[in-house]
Amino acid sequence: FLGDVEIDPATLHVRPRTRTVEVKIEYPDPAGDERQCEALELLEADKPKQRIRGLQLLAKLEDADLFEWCAMLLDDESVEVQVAALKTITHCEDADPDTIAPFAESEDKRIRAVAIAALAKHSGDAAPLWFRRGLTDPCPNVRLEMVSLLPLLDPAEHKELFELALYDPNTHVQQRAERMTQGKGYAKPKW
């Protein structure tokens, strides 16, 4: 606001107030501030494991800007930090799918798995498309990540997605899907 104004300290005037105003100030929890400062220091550390620990600490503190911190760490040189940021985004309340979408094309199966999972959770009406993409990915890691998010969907409304998981060629994906669909009207035929 005062960017174009030159201020001369010698000519500044101080005028005493004639009235006093009482203000009640509520100080935040000092333990929370210390942990937040520690988390921010860890995010700037040289070692990837420390940056991951800082991100996990921010997630525990339920920081209001958690998605922004995660988005900042998506450009990290360490794959482990990128994966941790994308996993944390999956658990965020709100996220911007446009920020996550480029990582769904990654060659690294870990990054692709958690990016597609985050998109499936935060894409709203487009979520079933991301579920389908994840459940039909050639990499079993991606399919395992997606099957863990199937409880977010209504089994009656998205029967085809549950059936993709039930008939997956990977037995781990099948077993997870069977546990989730048990008692919900899905019967895998036994030939």
Protein backbone atom coordinates (compact mmCIF):
# COMPACT_ATOMS: atom_id res chain seq x y z
CA PHE A 1 0.00 0.00 0.00
CA LEU A 2 2.84 2.41 0.81
CA GLY A 3 5.17 1.05 -1.88
CA ASP A 4 5.67 4.39 -3.72
CA VAL A 5 5.90 6.54 -0.59
CA GLU A 6 9.24 7.64 0.84
CA ILE A 7 9.24 7.62 4.64
CA ASP A 8 11.68 9.82 6.52
CA PRO A 9 12.14 8.61 10.14
CA ALA A 10 13.23 12.09 11.26
CA THR A 11 9.89 13.65 10.35
CA LEU A 12 7.58 10.97 11.71
CA HIS A 13 5.38 12.16 14.55
CA VAL A 14 4.03 10.15 17.44
CA ARG A 15 0.78 11.23 19.00
CA PRO A 16 -0.29 9.79 22.34
CA ARG A 17 -3.71 8.16 22.51
CA THR A 18 -6.30 9.84 24.63
CA ARG A 19 -8.33 6.71 25.38
CA THR A 20 -7.31 3.17 26.19
CA VAL A 21 -8.92 0.12 24.74
CA GLU A 22 -8.89 -3.22 26.48
CA VAL A 23 -8.34 -6.19 24.22
CA LYS A 24 -8.53 -9.82 25.20
CA ILE A 25 -5.93 -11.89 23.35
CA GLU A 26 -6.14 -15.66 23.17
CA TYR A 27 -2.73 -17.14 22.65
CA PRO A 28 -2.45 -20.35 20.67
CA ASP A 29 -1.25 -23.55 22.28
CA PRO A 30 2.54 -23.11 22.64
CA ALA A 31 3.13 -26.85 22.22
CA GLY A 32 1.34 -26.73 18.86
CA ASP A 33 3.46 -23.77 17.73
CA GLU A 34 6.68 -25.57 18.67
CA ARG A 35 5.64 -28.64 16.74
CA GLN A 36 4.65 -26.54 13.75
CA CYS A 37 8.01 -24.74 13.81
CA GLU A 38 9.74 -28.11 14.05
CA ALA A 39 7.72 -29.42 11.10
CA LEU A 40 8.59 -26.39 8.97
CA GLU A 41 12.28 -26.74 9.84
CA LEU A 42 12.15 -30.41 8.84
CA LEU A 43 10.57 -29.49 5.49
CA GLU A 44 13.68 -27.43 4.71
CA ALA A 45 16.12 -30.19 5.72
CA ASP A 46 18.66 -31.70 3.32
CA LYS A 47 17.70 -35.32 3.89
CA PRO A 48 14.52 -36.69 2.26
CA LYS A 49 13.55 -38.68 5.36
CA GLN A 50 13.51 -35.49 7.42
CA ARG A 51 11.33 -33.70 4.85
CA ILE A 52 8.95 -36.66 4.93
CA ARG A 53 8.88 -36.52 8.74
CA GLY A 54 8.09 -32.78 8.58
CA LEU A 55 5.21 -33.47 6.22
CA GLN A 56 3.89 -36.22 8.49
CA LEU A 57 4.08 -33.87 11.47
CA LEU A 58 2.10 -31.21 9.59
CA ALA A 59 -0.50 -33.83 8.73
CA LYS A 60 -0.81 -34.80 12.41
CA LEU A 61 -1.25 -31.13 13.33
CA GLU A 62 -3.98 -30.87 10.67
CA ASP A 63 -2.40 -27.72 9.25
CA ALA A 64 -4.87 -25.59 7.30
CA ASP A 65 -2.35 -25.17 4.47
CA LEU A 66 -1.44 -28.86 4.27
CA PHE A 67 -2.32 -29.20 0.58
CA GLU A 68 -0.17 -26.19 -0.30
CA TRP A 69 2.80 -27.69 1.56
CA CYS A 70 2.26 -30.99 -0.24
CA ALA A 71 2.01 -29.23 -3.60
CA MET A 72 5.30 -27.50 -2.88
CA LEU A 73 6.96 -30.85 -2.18
CA LEU A 74 5.70 -32.38 -5.42
CA ASP A 75 8.66 -30.71 -7.13
CA ASP A 76 11.15 -32.34 -4.75
CA GLU A 77 14.07 -34.20 -6.31
CA SER A 78 13.43 -37.25 -4.11
CA VAL A 79 10.85 -39.77 -5.32
CA GLU A 80 10.15 -40.78 -1.71
CA VAL A 81 9.22 -37.20 -0.80
CA GLN A 82 6.95 -36.91 -3.84
CA VAL A 83 5.22 -40.17 -2.92
CA ALA A 84 4.78 -39.01 0.68
CA ALA A 85 3.33 -35.68 -0.51
CA LEU A 86 0.86 -37.43 -2.81
CA LYS A 87 -0.18 -39.87 -0.03
CA THR A 88 -0.76 -36.93 2.29
CA ILE A 89 -2.83 -35.20 -0.40
CA THR A 90 -5.02 -38.32 -0.52
CA HIS A 91 -5.89 -37.69 3.15
CA CYS A 92 -6.40 -33.90 2.78
CA GLU A 93 -9.89 -32.49 2.99
CA ASP A 94 -9.57 -30.38 -0.16
CA ALA A 95 -7.14 -30.63 -3.05
CA ASP A 96 -6.76 -29.28 -6.56
CA PRO A 97 -6.95 -32.15 -9.08
CA ASP A 98 -5.17 -30.05 -11.74
CA THR A 99 -2.06 -29.96 -9.55
CA ILE A 100 -2.07 -33.75 -9.15
CA ALA A 101 -3.04 -34.78 -12.70
CA PRO A 102 0.45 -34.59 -14.30
CA PHE A 103 1.74 -37.17 -11.81
CA ALA A 104 -0.85 -39.71 -12.99
CA GLU A 105 1.25 -40.07 -16.16
CA SER A 106 4.49 -40.79 -14.28
CA GLU A 107 6.73 -43.68 -15.30
CA ASP A 108 7.41 -44.40 -11.62
CA LYS A 109 4.74 -46.86 -10.47
CA ARG A 110 4.72 -45.54 -6.88
CA ILE A 111 4.12 -41.95 -7.95
CA ARG A 112 1.48 -43.01 -10.49
CA ALA A 113 -0.32 -45.18 -7.91
CA VAL A 114 -0.71 -42.50 -5.25
CA ALA A 115 -1.44 -39.77 -7.81
CA ILE A 116 -4.32 -41.74 -9.34
CA ALA A 117 -5.57 -42.56 -5.82
CA ALA A 118 -5.50 -38.86 -4.87
CA LEU A 119 -7.34 -37.97 -8.07
CA ALA A 120 -9.94 -40.66 -7.41
CA LYS A 121 -10.60 -39.15 -4.00
CA HIS A 122 -10.59 -35.47 -4.96
CA SER A 123 -12.09 -35.40 -8.47
CA GLY A 124 -15.74 -35.30 -7.44
CA ASP A 125 -17.93 -36.47 -10.34
CA ALA A 126 -14.89 -37.67 -12.32
CA ALA A 127 -13.80 -40.02 -9.52
CA PRO A 128 -15.24 -43.19 -11.13
CA LEU A 129 -13.13 -42.51 -14.22
CA TRP A 130 -9.98 -42.36 -12.08
CA PHE A 131 -11.01 -45.53 -10.26
CA ARG A 132 -11.43 -47.31 -13.59
CA ARG A 133 -8.08 -46.04 -14.80
CA GLY A 134 -6.36 -47.19 -11.63
CA LEU A 135 -8.05 -50.59 -11.59
CA THR A 136 -7.08 -51.23 -15.23
CA ASP A 137 -3.48 -50.05 -14.91
CA PRO A 138 -0.96 -52.71 -16.02
CA CYS A 139 1.00 -52.31 -12.76
CA PRO A 140 -0.29 -54.32 -9.75
CA ASN A 141 0.93 -51.60 -7.33
CA VAL A 142 -1.47 -49.10 -8.86
CA ARG A 143 -4.36 -51.56 -8.72
CA LEU A 144 -3.60 -52.39 -5.06
CA GLU A 145 -3.61 -48.71 -4.17
CA MET A 146 -6.97 -48.24 -5.89
CA VAL A 147 -8.65 -51.26 -4.32
CA SER A 148 -7.89 -49.80 -0.88
CA LEU A 149 -10.03 -46.76 -1.80
CA LEU A 150 -13.02 -48.75 -3.05
CA PRO A 151 -14.90 -48.23 0.26
CA LEU A 152 -15.34 -44.61 -0.83
CA LEU A 153 -17.73 -45.81 -3.56
CA ASP A 154 -21.23 -47.17 -3.29
CA PRO A 155 -21.08 -50.89 -4.26
CA ALA A 156 -24.58 -50.85 -5.75
CA GLU A 157 -23.92 -47.81 -7.93
CA HIS A 158 -20.42 -48.80 -9.11
CA LYS A 159 -20.72 -52.54 -9.48
CA GLU A 160 -18.48 -52.66 -12.56
CA LEU A 161 -15.56 -51.13 -10.65
CA PHE A 162 -15.88 -53.63 -7.82
CA GLU A 163 -16.04 -56.46 -10.35
CA LEU A 164 -12.85 -55.20 -12.02
CA ALA A 165 -11.11 -55.66 -8.68
CA LEU A 166 -12.75 -59.04 -7.99
CA TYR A 167 -11.56 -60.47 -11.31
CA ASP A 168 -8.11 -58.89 -11.25
CA PRO A 169 -5.26 -61.19 -12.35
CA ASN A 170 -3.32 -60.33 -9.19
CA THR A 171 -4.42 -62.47 -6.22
CA HIS A 172 -3.66 -59.73 -3.66
CA VAL A 173 -6.03 -57.35 -5.44
CA GLN A 174 -8.68 -60.08 -5.61
CA GLN A 175 -8.34 -60.89 -1.91
CA ARG A 176 -8.67 -57.25 -0.87
CA ALA A 177 -11.71 -56.82 -3.10
CA GLU A 178 -13.31 -60.01 -1.73
CA ARG A 179 -12.88 -58.75 1.85
CA MET A 180 -14.53 -55.45 0.97
CA THR A 181 -17.44 -56.95 -0.97
CA GLN A 182 -18.19 -59.75 1.46
CA GLY A 183 -21.88 -59.69 2.33
CA LYS A 184 -22.71 -57.00 -0.23
CA GLY A 185 -24.19 -59.16 -2.98
CA TYR A 186 -21.04 -59.90 -4.95
CA ALA A 187 -20.50 -63.56 -5.52
CA LYS A 188 -17.46 -64.69 -7.42
CA PRO A 189 -18.38 -67.83 -9.37
CA LYS A 190 -16.31 -70.87 -8.48
CA TRP A 191 -15.86 -73.05 -11.50
